[in-house]
Amino acid sequence: MTTPLVSPSLTVYNGGMRTFRSTLLVAMVAGVVALSSLDVLFAIFRPPVLTGRPAGATPTPYSHCIVASYGTGAHENGELCRAHRSGSPIVILVHGGAWYGVGFGDPGVPTEAAYLVAHGAAVFAIDYQFPSPAIPAEVADVVKATNYAKAVAGRIGGNPHSVVLFGGSAGGNLVELAASQVAVKGVVDLSGPADLATFIRQPSFSASNVLALEWAFGCAPLATCSTASLTAWSPASNPPPRSVRQFIGQAVGDTTVYPCQGQDIATATGSVVHWVQGSAHAFDLDPTLNPAIAQFIGGGR
C-alpha cells in the first residue's frame, strides 16, 4: 500500500462562504488502514476556490486542485492540480517575490497554473519557507516539492520522468539552482536573477526591495554580502546540467531584473533567450510567451 510522503492538508472554501479544514491523517492500523490513492480526494473535493495564499489573492480557477503539504514547515505546501489525462508532464510552479515570501499572493501564479492545466500538464504551484538567509532553504523546498510530485505522479495524471521546474523572478533563480539537485527534464525561467553579485548593484531597487534582499541574503547593507555566497547562489556560476532543457524569457526593458541576467543564464546553459519587447517582468510576460512555453513543456514528455 502506498501513502503520500506527507498527508495533504486541505482548506476548502464553499462558494466563498463558510470554510472548513480537513487534515487527512494517514496511518496504518495493524497494516490495514492506509491511504492508497489521491483519486478519492480529487473526487470528493472539487471546490471552486482553494487557498494556501494570503487573503484576497486570486485562486487557481480550476476545480481539480487540492492544497497539499510536501513538508512539515508552515509554508511547505502548494496547490496540486491534476492533469486531464494520464502521463502528462508535471510542472512545479515557483513564485517570485525577492525570495521573501510573496507566496500565492503573486497574481501570475493562479493564472499560469490554470493555463498549464488547460494545455495538458499537471501542476504543483508551491509556496516555500523564507528564513534569512533564504536561498539554500528555498532551493531545498523546491527539490522536496519536486520529489513529492514525482511520488504522487500516478494519482495526478503526471509522468514522473517528465518534470519541468517553472519559476518567475526569484522563482526563476530557485528553479535553476534546484535543477542541479533533482532530476528534471527542463526549466522555464522568466526574469530570474542569474548573477547575484551583479544583481545587487542594480540602482533601480526601492527601499523596500533593499530590505527584502538584505533579509533574503542575510547581509546588510547589500555591499557587505559574501562574494562566496552570492556566487554559490548564482545559476550563471552554477548552472544545471546541459541535459536539462531551458526556456528563458526576459523583457528587453525590464528594470526589476536587468536583461543582462537573462543573457547570463542563457550563456551558462548554452541556451537562447526568448526576448519580449517592453518592461514586463516574470509572469507578466506570459500572454506573449505562454503558447511557446506550453509547447516547450509538452515536448518534454
C-alpha atoms as a PDB file:
ATOM      1  CA  MET A   1       0.000   0.000   0.000  1.00  0.00           C
ATOM      2  CA  THR A   2       1.237   3.442  -0.897  1.00  0.00           C
ATOM      3  CA  THR A   3       0.863   6.691   1.019  1.00  0.00           C
ATOM      4  CA  PRO A   4       1.795  10.235   0.057  1.00  0.00           C
ATOM      5  CA  LEU A   5       5.060  11.483   1.516  1.00  0.00           C
ATOM      6  CA  VAL A   6       3.088  13.966   3.612  1.00  0.00           C
ATOM      7  CA  SER A   7      -0.645  13.807   4.125  1.00  0.00           C
ATOM      8  CA  PRO A   8      -2.294  16.744   2.333  1.00  0.00           C
ATOM      9  CA  SER A   9      -3.830  19.437   4.497  1.00  0.00           C
ATOM     10  CA  LEU A  10      -6.881  20.737   2.670  1.00  0.00           C
ATOM     11  CA  THR A  11      -8.503  24.118   3.028  1.00  0.00           C
ATOM     12  CA  VAL A  12     -11.783  24.198   1.140  1.00  0.00           C
ATOM     13  CA  TYR A  13     -13.933  27.264   0.523  1.00  0.00           C
ATOM     14  CA  ASN A  14     -17.579  26.636  -0.242  1.00  0.00           C
ATOM     15  CA  GLY A  15     -18.692  29.263  -2.727  1.00  0.00           C
ATOM     16  CA  GLY A  16     -16.737  31.956  -0.904  1.00  0.00           C
ATOM     17  CA  MET A  17     -18.895  31.490   2.222  1.00  0.00           C
ATOM     18  CA  ARG A  18     -18.126  29.083   5.076  1.00  0.00           C
ATOM     19  CA  THR A  19     -14.750  27.435   5.244  1.00  0.00           C
ATOM     20  CA  PHE A  20     -13.592  24.275   6.801  1.00  0.00           C
ATOM     21  CA  ARG A  21     -10.278  22.498   7.117  1.00  0.00           C
ATOM     22  CA  SER A  22      -9.884  18.782   6.848  1.00  0.00           C
ATOM     23  CA  THR A  23      -6.475  17.409   7.710  1.00  0.00           C
ATOM     24  CA  LEU A  24      -6.071  13.886   6.423  1.00  0.00           C
ATOM     25  CA  LEU A  25      -4.247  11.670   8.906  1.00  0.00           C
ATOM     26  CA  VAL A  26      -2.560   8.880   7.040  1.00  0.00           C
ATOM     27  CA  ALA A  27      -1.957   5.995   9.420  1.00  0.00           C
ATOM     28  CA  MET A  28      -1.547   2.277   9.339  1.00  0.00           C
ATOM     29  CA  VAL A  29      -3.567   0.322  11.876  1.00  0.00           C
ATOM     30  CA  ALA A  30      -2.331  -3.281  12.096  1.00  0.00           C
ATOM     31  CA  GLY A  31      -1.180  -2.917   8.491  1.00  0.00           C
ATOM     32  CA  VAL A  32      -4.782  -2.484   7.318  1.00  0.00           C
ATOM     33  CA  VAL A  33      -5.636   1.220   7.183  1.00  0.00           C
ATOM     34  CA  ALA A  34      -3.755   3.321   4.647  1.00  0.00           C
ATOM     35  CA  LEU A  35      -4.430   5.964   2.041  1.00  0.00           C
ATOM     36  CA  SER A  36      -3.743   4.310  -1.287  1.00  0.00           C
ATOM     37  CA  SER A  37      -4.825   6.987  -3.738  1.00  0.00           C
ATOM     38  CA  LEU A  38      -5.314  10.713  -4.073  1.00  0.00           C
ATOM     39  CA  ASP A  39      -8.067   9.986  -6.595  1.00  0.00           C
ATOM     40  CA  VAL A  40     -10.585   9.846  -3.741  1.00  0.00           C
ATOM     41  CA  LEU A  41      -9.592  13.352  -2.686  1.00  0.00           C
ATOM     42  CA  PHE A  42      -9.985  14.752  -6.156  1.00  0.00           C
ATOM     43  CA  ALA A  43     -13.352  13.029  -6.491  1.00  0.00           C
ATOM     44  CA  ILE A  44     -14.653  14.410  -3.175  1.00  0.00           C
ATOM     45  CA  PHE A  45     -13.075  17.851  -3.035  1.00  0.00           C
ATOM     46  CA  ARG A  46     -13.908  19.869  -6.126  1.00  0.00           C
ATOM     47  CA  PRO A  47     -14.281  23.321  -4.605  1.00  0.00           C
ATOM     48  CA  PRO A  48     -14.486  26.462  -6.691  1.00  0.00           C
ATOM     49  CA  VAL A  49     -11.845  28.113  -4.521  1.00  0.00           C
ATOM     50  CA  LEU A  50      -8.819  26.672  -2.711  1.00  0.00           C
ATOM     51  CA  THR A  51      -6.387  28.586  -0.544  1.00  0.00           C
ATOM     52  CA  GLY A  52      -2.877  28.396   0.761  1.00  0.00           C
ATOM     53  CA  ARG A  53      -2.263  32.059  -0.034  1.00  0.00           C
ATOM     54  CA  PRO A  54      -2.869  35.421   1.668  1.00  0.00           C
ATOM     55  CA  ALA A  55      -6.425  36.689   1.915  1.00  0.00           C
ATOM     56  CA  GLY A  56      -7.553  38.430  -1.233  1.00  0.00           C
ATOM     57  CA  ALA A  57      -5.211  36.601  -3.592  1.00  0.00           C
ATOM     58  CA  THR A  58      -6.708  35.073  -6.719  1.00  0.00           C
ATOM     59  CA  PRO A  59      -7.209  31.279  -6.570  1.00  0.00           C
ATOM     60  CA  THR A  60      -6.406  28.861  -9.341  1.00  0.00           C
ATOM     61  CA  PRO A  61      -9.585  28.809 -11.476  1.00  0.00           C
ATOM     62  CA  TYR A  62      -9.589  25.041 -11.863  1.00  0.00           C
ATOM     63  CA  SER A  63     -11.637  22.670  -9.735  1.00  0.00           C
ATOM     64  CA  HIS A  64      -9.397  19.592  -9.695  1.00  0.00           C
ATOM     65  CA  CYS A  65      -6.897  21.022  -7.206  1.00  0.00           C
ATOM     66  CA  ILE A  66      -6.130  20.338  -3.574  1.00  0.00           C
ATOM     67  CA  VAL A  67      -3.797  22.089  -1.169  1.00  0.00           C
ATOM     68  CA  ALA A  68      -1.096  19.529  -0.409  1.00  0.00           C
ATOM     69  CA  SER A  69       1.782  19.692   2.053  1.00  0.00           C
ATOM     70  CA  TYR A  70       5.142  18.449   0.791  1.00  0.00           C
ATOM     71  CA  GLY A  71       6.830  19.039   4.166  1.00  0.00           C
ATOM     72  CA  THR A  72       6.077  19.942   7.754  1.00  0.00           C
ATOM     73  CA  GLY A  73       7.014  23.637   7.616  1.00  0.00           C
ATOM     74  CA  ALA A  74       4.334  26.323   7.734  1.00  0.00           C
ATOM     75  CA  HIS A  75       4.944  27.295   4.102  1.00  0.00           C
ATOM     76  CA  GLU A  76       5.814  23.875   2.703  1.00  0.00           C
ATOM     77  CA  ASN A  77       2.581  23.452   0.783  1.00  0.00           C
ATOM     78  CA  GLY A  78       1.034  24.237  -2.548  1.00  0.00           C
ATOM     79  CA  GLU A  79      -1.872  23.747  -4.928  1.00  0.00           C
ATOM     80  CA  LEU A  80      -1.673  20.323  -6.545  1.00  0.00           C
ATOM     81  CA  CYS A  81      -3.705  20.261  -9.754  1.00  0.00           C
ATOM     82  CA  ARG A  82      -4.500  17.048 -11.593  1.00  0.00           C
ATOM     83  CA  ALA A  83      -3.962  16.795 -15.341  1.00  0.00           C
ATOM     84  CA  HIS A  84      -6.838  15.995 -17.673  1.00  0.00           C
ATOM     85  CA  ARG A  85      -5.178  12.781 -18.849  1.00  0.00           C
ATOM     86  CA  SER A  86      -2.609  10.329 -17.541  1.00  0.00           C
ATOM     87  CA  GLY A  87       1.053  10.520 -18.472  1.00  0.00           C
ATOM     88  CA  SER A  88       1.064  14.318 -18.657  1.00  0.00           C
ATOM     89  CA  PRO A  89       4.113  16.481 -17.893  1.00  0.00           C
ATOM     90  CA  ILE A  90       4.356  17.748 -14.314  1.00  0.00           C
ATOM     91  CA  VAL A  91       5.139  21.422 -13.738  1.00  0.00           C
ATOM     92  CA  ILE A  92       6.481  22.654 -10.403  1.00  0.00           C
ATOM     93  CA  LEU A  93       5.414  26.309 -10.415  1.00  0.00           C
ATOM     94  CA  VAL A  94       7.541  28.559  -8.188  1.00  0.00           C
ATOM     95  CA  HIS A  95       6.516  32.127  -7.336  1.00  0.00           C
ATOM     96  CA  GLY A  96       8.830  35.118  -7.052  1.00  0.00           C
ATOM     97  CA  GLY A  97       8.865  37.992  -4.584  1.00  0.00           C
ATOM     98  CA  ALA A  98      12.523  38.783  -3.805  1.00  0.00           C
ATOM     99  CA  TRP A  99      12.931  35.400  -2.031  1.00  0.00           C
ATOM    100  CA  TYR A 100      10.852  36.999   0.717  1.00  0.00           C
ATOM    101  CA  GLY A 101       7.535  35.187   0.791  1.00  0.00           C
ATOM    102  CA  VAL A 102       5.004  36.800  -1.555  1.00  0.00           C
ATOM    103  CA  GLY A 103       3.659  33.276  -1.891  1.00  0.00           C
ATOM    104  CA  PHE A 104       0.359  32.723  -3.628  1.00  0.00           C
ATOM    105  CA  GLY A 105      -0.221  36.463  -3.473  1.00  0.00           C
ATOM    106  CA  ASP A 106       1.711  36.607  -6.753  1.00  0.00           C
ATOM    107  CA  PRO A 107      -1.223  37.211  -9.128  1.00  0.00           C
ATOM    108  CA  GLY A 108       0.522  35.494 -12.030  1.00  0.00           C
ATOM    109  CA  VAL A 109       0.668  32.110 -10.324  1.00  0.00           C
ATOM    110  CA  PRO A 110      -3.020  31.032 -10.440  1.00  0.00           C
ATOM    111  CA  THR A 111      -3.415  32.339 -13.977  1.00  0.00           C
ATOM    112  CA  GLU A 112      -0.356  30.438 -15.125  1.00  0.00           C
ATOM    113  CA  ALA A 113      -1.386  27.267 -13.296  1.00  0.00           C
ATOM    114  CA  ALA A 114      -4.809  27.274 -14.938  1.00  0.00           C
ATOM    115  CA  TYR A 115      -3.280  27.854 -18.379  1.00  0.00           C
ATOM    116  CA  LEU A 116      -0.819  24.980 -17.969  1.00  0.00           C
ATOM    117  CA  VAL A 117      -3.503  22.534 -16.792  1.00  0.00           C
ATOM    118  CA  ALA A 118      -5.724  23.557 -19.696  1.00  0.00           C
ATOM    119  CA  HIS A 119      -2.823  22.859 -22.045  1.00  0.00           C
ATOM    120  CA  GLY A 120      -2.028  19.379 -20.837  1.00  0.00           C
ATOM    121  CA  ALA A 121       0.041  19.484 -17.634  1.00  0.00           C
ATOM    122  CA  ALA A 122      -0.327  18.504 -14.011  1.00  0.00           C
ATOM    123  CA  VAL A 123       0.769  21.425 -11.830  1.00  0.00           C
ATOM    124  CA  PHE A 124       2.112  21.810  -8.309  1.00  0.00           C
ATOM    125  CA  ALA A 125       2.158  25.552  -7.548  1.00  0.00           C
ATOM    126  CA  ILE A 126       4.200  25.760  -4.382  1.00  0.00           C
ATOM    127  CA  ASP A 127       4.946  28.109  -1.548  1.00  0.00           C
ATOM    128  CA  TYR A 128       8.250  27.864   0.322  1.00  0.00           C
ATOM    129  CA  GLN A 129       9.996  28.924   3.506  1.00  0.00           C
ATOM    130  CA  PHE A 130      11.786  32.267   3.749  1.00  0.00           C
ATOM    131  CA  PRO A 131      14.343  32.254   6.548  1.00  0.00           C
ATOM    132  CA  SER A 132      17.389  34.524   6.495  1.00  0.00           C
ATOM    133  CA  PRO A 133      19.457  33.762   4.501  1.00  0.00           C
ATOM    134  CA  ALA A 134      16.746  32.321   2.313  1.00  0.00           C
ATOM    135  CA  ILE A 135      18.081  30.767  -0.865  1.00  0.00           C
ATOM    136  CA  PRO A 136      19.533  27.452   0.410  1.00  0.00           C
ATOM    137  CA  ALA A 137      16.339  26.587   2.304  1.00  0.00           C
ATOM    138  CA  GLU A 138      14.141  27.664  -0.613  1.00  0.00           C
ATOM    139  CA  VAL A 139      16.087  25.585  -3.125  1.00  0.00           C
ATOM    140  CA  ALA A 140      15.755  22.621  -0.754  1.00  0.00           C
ATOM    141  CA  ASP A 141      11.991  23.210  -0.666  1.00  0.00           C
ATOM    142  CA  VAL A 142      11.770  23.204  -4.475  1.00  0.00           C
ATOM    143  CA  VAL A 143      13.665  19.907  -4.532  1.00  0.00           C
ATOM    144  CA  LYS A 144      11.432  18.467  -1.805  1.00  0.00           C
ATOM    145  CA  ALA A 145       8.263  19.558  -3.612  1.00  0.00           C
ATOM    146  CA  THR A 146       9.541  18.063  -6.864  1.00  0.00           C
ATOM    147  CA  ASN A 147      10.177  14.710  -5.217  1.00  0.00           C
ATOM    148  CA  TYR A 148       6.723  14.830  -3.628  1.00  0.00           C
ATOM    149  CA  ALA A 149       5.067  15.480  -7.004  1.00  0.00           C
ATOM    150  CA  LYS A 150       7.016  12.594  -8.548  1.00  0.00           C
ATOM    151  CA  ALA A 151       5.885  10.286  -5.750  1.00  0.00           C
ATOM    152  CA  VAL A 152       2.206  11.048  -6.372  1.00  0.00           C
ATOM    153  CA  ALA A 153       2.525  11.388 -10.159  1.00  0.00           C
ATOM    154  CA  GLY A 154       0.271   8.448 -10.951  1.00  0.00           C
ATOM    155  CA  ARG A 155      -2.521   9.956  -8.877  1.00  0.00           C
ATOM    156  CA  ILE A 156      -2.425  13.367 -10.567  1.00  0.00           C
ATOM    157  CA  GLY A 157      -2.147  12.146 -14.152  1.00  0.00           C
ATOM    158  CA  GLY A 158       1.540  13.001 -14.257  1.00  0.00           C
ATOM    159  CA  ASN A 159       4.683  11.427 -15.675  1.00  0.00           C
ATOM    160  CA  PRO A 160       7.430  11.407 -13.013  1.00  0.00           C
ATOM    161  CA  HIS A 161      10.042  11.260 -15.762  1.00  0.00           C
ATOM    162  CA  SER A 162       8.775  14.440 -17.420  1.00  0.00           C
ATOM    163  CA  VAL A 163       9.036  17.174 -14.802  1.00  0.00           C
ATOM    164  CA  VAL A 164       9.623  20.837 -15.608  1.00  0.00           C
ATOM    165  CA  LEU A 165      10.544  23.454 -12.999  1.00  0.00           C
ATOM    166  CA  PHE A 166       8.940  26.824 -13.778  1.00  0.00           C
ATOM    167  CA  GLY A 167       9.807  29.988 -11.873  1.00  0.00           C
ATOM    168  CA  GLY A 168       9.408  33.732 -12.237  1.00  0.00           C
ATOM    169  CA  SER A 169      11.810  36.367 -10.893  1.00  0.00           C
ATOM    170  CA  ALA A 170      13.279  34.973  -7.644  1.00  0.00           C
ATOM    171  CA  GLY A 171      11.493  31.750  -8.530  1.00  0.00           C
ATOM    172  CA  GLY A 172      13.497  31.642 -11.756  1.00  0.00           C
ATOM    173  CA  ASN A 173      16.692  31.756  -9.722  1.00  0.00           C
ATOM    174  CA  LEU A 174      15.441  28.957  -7.463  1.00  0.00           C
ATOM    175  CA  VAL A 175      14.412  26.579 -10.240  1.00  0.00           C
ATOM    176  CA  GLU A 176      17.768  26.957 -11.999  1.00  0.00           C
ATOM    177  CA  LEU A 177      19.609  26.089  -8.780  1.00  0.00           C
ATOM    178  CA  ALA A 178      17.223  23.239  -7.928  1.00  0.00           C
ATOM    179  CA  ALA A 179      17.681  21.683 -11.374  1.00  0.00           C
ATOM    180  CA  SER A 180      21.240  20.840 -10.346  1.00  0.00           C
ATOM    181  CA  GLN A 181      19.945  18.871  -7.343  1.00  0.00           C
ATOM    182  CA  VAL A 182      16.975  16.906  -8.660  1.00  0.00           C
ATOM    183  CA  ALA A 183      16.382  15.105 -11.953  1.00  0.00           C
ATOM    184  CA  VAL A 184      14.106  17.118 -14.245  1.00  0.00           C
ATOM    185  CA  LYS A 185      13.549  17.384 -17.995  1.00  0.00           C
ATOM    186  CA  GLY A 186      13.511  21.151 -18.228  1.00  0.00           C
ATOM    187  CA  VAL A 187      13.410  24.589 -16.682  1.00  0.00           C
ATOM    188  CA  VAL A 188      11.276  27.616 -17.528  1.00  0.00           C
ATOM    189  CA  ASP A 189      12.991  30.709 -16.148  1.00  0.00           C
ATOM    190  CA  LEU A 190      11.208  34.043 -16.560  1.00  0.00           C
ATOM    191  CA  SER A 191      13.272  37.067 -15.456  1.00  0.00           C
ATOM    192  CA  GLY A 192      15.323  35.080 -12.953  1.00  0.00           C
ATOM    193  CA  PRO A 193      18.429  36.715 -11.428  1.00  0.00           C
ATOM    194  CA  ALA A 194      21.400  34.664 -12.594  1.00  0.00           C
ATOM    195  CA  ASP A 195      24.425  36.614 -11.340  1.00  0.00           C
ATOM    196  CA  LEU A 196      23.667  37.919  -7.847  1.00  0.00           C
ATOM    197  CA  ALA A 197      26.881  39.916  -7.461  1.00  0.00           C
ATOM    198  CA  THR A 198      25.787  41.986 -10.453  1.00  0.00           C
ATOM    199  CA  PHE A 199      22.125  41.912  -9.482  1.00  0.00           C
ATOM    200  CA  ILE A 200      22.602  43.575  -6.071  1.00  0.00           C
ATOM    201  CA  ARG A 201      24.332  46.529  -7.730  1.00  0.00           C
ATOM    202  CA  GLN A 202      21.270  47.492  -9.755  1.00  0.00           C
ATOM    203  CA  PRO A 203      20.400  51.134  -8.979  1.00  0.00           C
ATOM    204  CA  SER A 204      16.666  50.583  -9.534  1.00  0.00           C
ATOM    205  CA  PHE A 205      15.782  48.995  -6.168  1.00  0.00           C
ATOM    206  CA  SER A 206      13.293  50.720  -3.882  1.00  0.00           C
ATOM    207  CA  ALA A 207      13.928  50.911  -0.138  1.00  0.00           C
ATOM    208  CA  SER A 208      11.523  48.009   0.425  1.00  0.00           C
ATOM    209  CA  ASN A 209      13.326  45.974  -2.246  1.00  0.00           C
ATOM    210  CA  VAL A 210      16.608  46.546  -0.450  1.00  0.00           C
ATOM    211  CA  LEU A 211      15.168  45.443   2.901  1.00  0.00           C
ATOM    212  CA  ALA A 212      13.763  42.286   1.343  1.00  0.00           C
ATOM    213  CA  LEU A 213      17.055  41.452  -0.331  1.00  0.00           C
ATOM    214  CA  GLU A 214      19.018  42.086   2.857  1.00  0.00           C
ATOM    215  CA  TRP A 215      16.760  39.597   4.616  1.00  0.00           C
ATOM    216  CA  ALA A 216      16.957  37.064   1.794  1.00  0.00           C
ATOM    217  CA  PHE A 217      20.750  37.233   1.507  1.00  0.00           C
ATOM    218  CA  GLY A 218      21.386  37.566   5.248  1.00  0.00           C
ATOM    219  CA  CYS A 219      23.575  40.658   4.962  1.00  0.00           C
ATOM    220  CA  ALA A 220      23.061  44.397   5.478  1.00  0.00           C
ATOM    221  CA  PRO A 221      23.952  46.539   3.723  1.00  0.00           C
ATOM    222  CA  LEU A 222      23.997  44.554   0.496  1.00  0.00           C
ATOM    223  CA  ALA A 223      27.538  45.689  -0.229  1.00  0.00           C
ATOM    224  CA  THR A 224      28.726  43.519   2.674  1.00  0.00           C
ATOM    225  CA  CYS A 225      27.269  40.297   1.241  1.00  0.00           C
ATOM    226  CA  SER A 226      29.762  37.448   0.974  1.00  0.00           C
ATOM    227  CA  THR A 227      31.098  37.054  -2.549  1.00  0.00           C
ATOM    228  CA  ALA A 228      31.329  33.305  -1.984  1.00  0.00           C
ATOM    229  CA  SER A 229      27.641  33.097  -1.029  1.00  0.00           C
ATOM    230  CA  LEU A 230      26.497  35.253  -3.925  1.00  0.00           C
ATOM    231  CA  THR A 231      28.488  33.083  -6.314  1.00  0.00           C
ATOM    232  CA  ALA A 232      27.101  29.869  -4.822  1.00  0.00           C
ATOM    233  CA  TRP A 233      23.543  31.193  -5.241  1.00  0.00           C
ATOM    234  CA  SER A 234      24.100  32.364  -8.828  1.00  0.00           C
ATOM    235  CA  PRO A 235      22.900  29.989 -11.572  1.00  0.00           C
ATOM    236  CA  ALA A 236      25.274  31.668 -14.027  1.00  0.00           C
ATOM    237  CA  SER A 237      28.139  30.283 -11.927  1.00  0.00           C
ATOM    238  CA  ASN A 238      26.374  27.019 -11.028  1.00  0.00           C
ATOM    239  CA  PRO A 239      24.131  26.146 -13.974  1.00  0.00           C
ATOM    240  CA  PRO A 240      22.117  22.949 -14.300  1.00  0.00           C
ATOM    241  CA  PRO A 241      23.491  20.148 -16.498  1.00  0.00           C
ATOM    242  CA  ARG A 242      23.278  20.802 -20.230  1.00  0.00           C
ATOM    243  CA  SER A 243      20.901  17.833 -20.453  1.00  0.00           C
ATOM    244  CA  VAL A 244      18.241  19.976 -18.737  1.00  0.00           C
ATOM    245  CA  ARG A 245      16.316  21.835 -21.432  1.00  0.00           C
ATOM    246  CA  GLN A 246      15.946  25.589 -20.940  1.00  0.00           C
ATOM    247  CA  PHE A 247      13.241  28.109 -21.760  1.00  0.00           C
ATOM    248  CA  ILE A 248      14.462  31.561 -20.720  1.00  0.00           C
ATOM    249  CA  GLY A 249      12.141  34.555 -21.022  1.00  0.00           C
ATOM    250  CA  GLN A 250      13.177  38.158 -20.488  1.00  0.00           C
ATOM    251  CA  ALA A 251      11.870  41.602 -21.412  1.00  0.00           C
ATOM    252  CA  VAL A 252      14.368  43.940 -23.064  1.00  0.00           C
ATOM    253  CA  GLY A 253      13.259  46.832 -20.843  1.00  0.00           C
ATOM    254  CA  ASP A 254      12.925  45.010 -17.502  1.00  0.00           C
ATOM    255  CA  THR A 255      14.059  47.311 -14.672  1.00  0.00           C
ATOM    256  CA  THR A 256      13.333  44.796 -11.880  1.00  0.00           C
ATOM    257  CA  VAL A 257      15.829  42.211 -13.120  1.00  0.00           C
ATOM    258  CA  TYR A 258      18.015  43.694 -15.828  1.00  0.00           C
ATOM    259  CA  PRO A 259      18.082  41.943 -19.224  1.00  0.00           C
ATOM    260  CA  CYS A 260      21.750  41.025 -18.824  1.00  0.00           C
ATOM    261  CA  GLN A 261      20.657  38.458 -16.224  1.00  0.00           C
ATOM    262  CA  GLY A 262      18.680  36.514 -18.809  1.00  0.00           C
ATOM    263  CA  GLN A 263      21.628  36.552 -21.171  1.00  0.00           C
ATOM    264  CA  ASP A 264      23.960  35.385 -18.387  1.00  0.00           C
ATOM    265  CA  ILE A 265      21.984  32.220 -17.689  1.00  0.00           C
ATOM    266  CA  ALA A 266      21.495  31.570 -21.411  1.00  0.00           C
ATOM    267  CA  THR A 267      25.250  31.749 -21.936  1.00  0.00           C
ATOM    268  CA  ALA A 268      25.925  29.494 -18.949  1.00  0.00           C
ATOM    269  CA  THR A 269      23.474  26.838 -20.150  1.00  0.00           C
ATOM    270  CA  GLY A 270      24.132  27.073 -23.879  1.00  0.00           C
ATOM    271  CA  SER A 271      20.589  28.309 -24.459  1.00  0.00           C
ATOM    272  CA  VAL A 272      18.868  31.273 -26.063  1.00  0.00           C
ATOM    273  CA  VAL A 273      16.718  33.997 -24.552  1.00  0.00           C
ATOM    274  CA  HIS A 274      13.131  34.457 -25.691  1.00  0.00           C
ATOM    275  CA  TRP A 275      13.119  38.252 -25.720  1.00  0.00           C
ATOM    276  CA  VAL A 276       9.939  40.239 -25.214  1.00  0.00           C
ATOM    277  CA  GLN A 277       9.578  43.928 -26.010  1.00  0.00           C
ATOM    278  CA  GLY A 278       8.684  46.315 -23.194  1.00  0.00           C
ATOM    279  CA  SER A 279       9.376  46.171 -19.483  1.00  0.00           C
ATOM    280  CA  ALA A 280       7.152  43.295 -18.310  1.00  0.00           C
ATOM    281  CA  HIS A 281       8.562  41.115 -15.562  1.00  0.00           C
ATOM    282  CA  ALA A 282       8.289  37.423 -14.677  1.00  0.00           C
ATOM    283  CA  PHE A 283       4.750  36.029 -15.033  1.00  0.00           C
ATOM    284  CA  ASP A 284       3.598  39.249 -16.702  1.00  0.00           C
ATOM    285  CA  LEU A 285       5.495  38.040 -19.787  1.00  0.00           C
ATOM    286  CA  ASP A 286       3.145  35.099 -20.173  1.00  0.00           C
ATOM    287  CA  PRO A 287       0.456  36.417 -22.522  1.00  0.00           C
ATOM    288  CA  THR A 288       3.159  36.642 -25.163  1.00  0.00           C
ATOM    289  CA  LEU A 289       5.199  33.579 -24.266  1.00  0.00           C
ATOM    290  CA  ASN A 290       2.563  31.154 -22.987  1.00  0.00           C
ATOM    291  CA  PRO A 291       1.993  29.222 -26.243  1.00  0.00           C
ATOM    292  CA  ALA A 292       5.726  28.678 -26.675  1.00  0.00           C
ATOM    293  CA  ILE A 293       6.050  27.673 -23.007  1.00  0.00           C
ATOM    294  CA  ALA A 294       3.216  25.147 -23.326  1.00  0.00           C
ATOM    295  CA  GLN A 295       4.871  23.664 -26.411  1.00  0.00           C
ATOM    296  CA  PHE A 296       8.218  23.506 -24.575  1.00  0.00           C
ATOM    297  CA  ILE A 297       6.644  21.681 -21.617  1.00  0.00           C
ATOM    298  CA  GLY A 298       4.728  19.291 -23.838  1.00  0.00           C
ATOM    299  CA  GLY A 299       7.912  18.497 -25.732  1.00  0.00           C
ATOM    300  CA  GLY A 300       9.477  17.244 -22.503  1.00  0.00           C
ATOM    301  CA  ARG A 301       7.282  14.128 -22.316  1.00  0.00           C
END
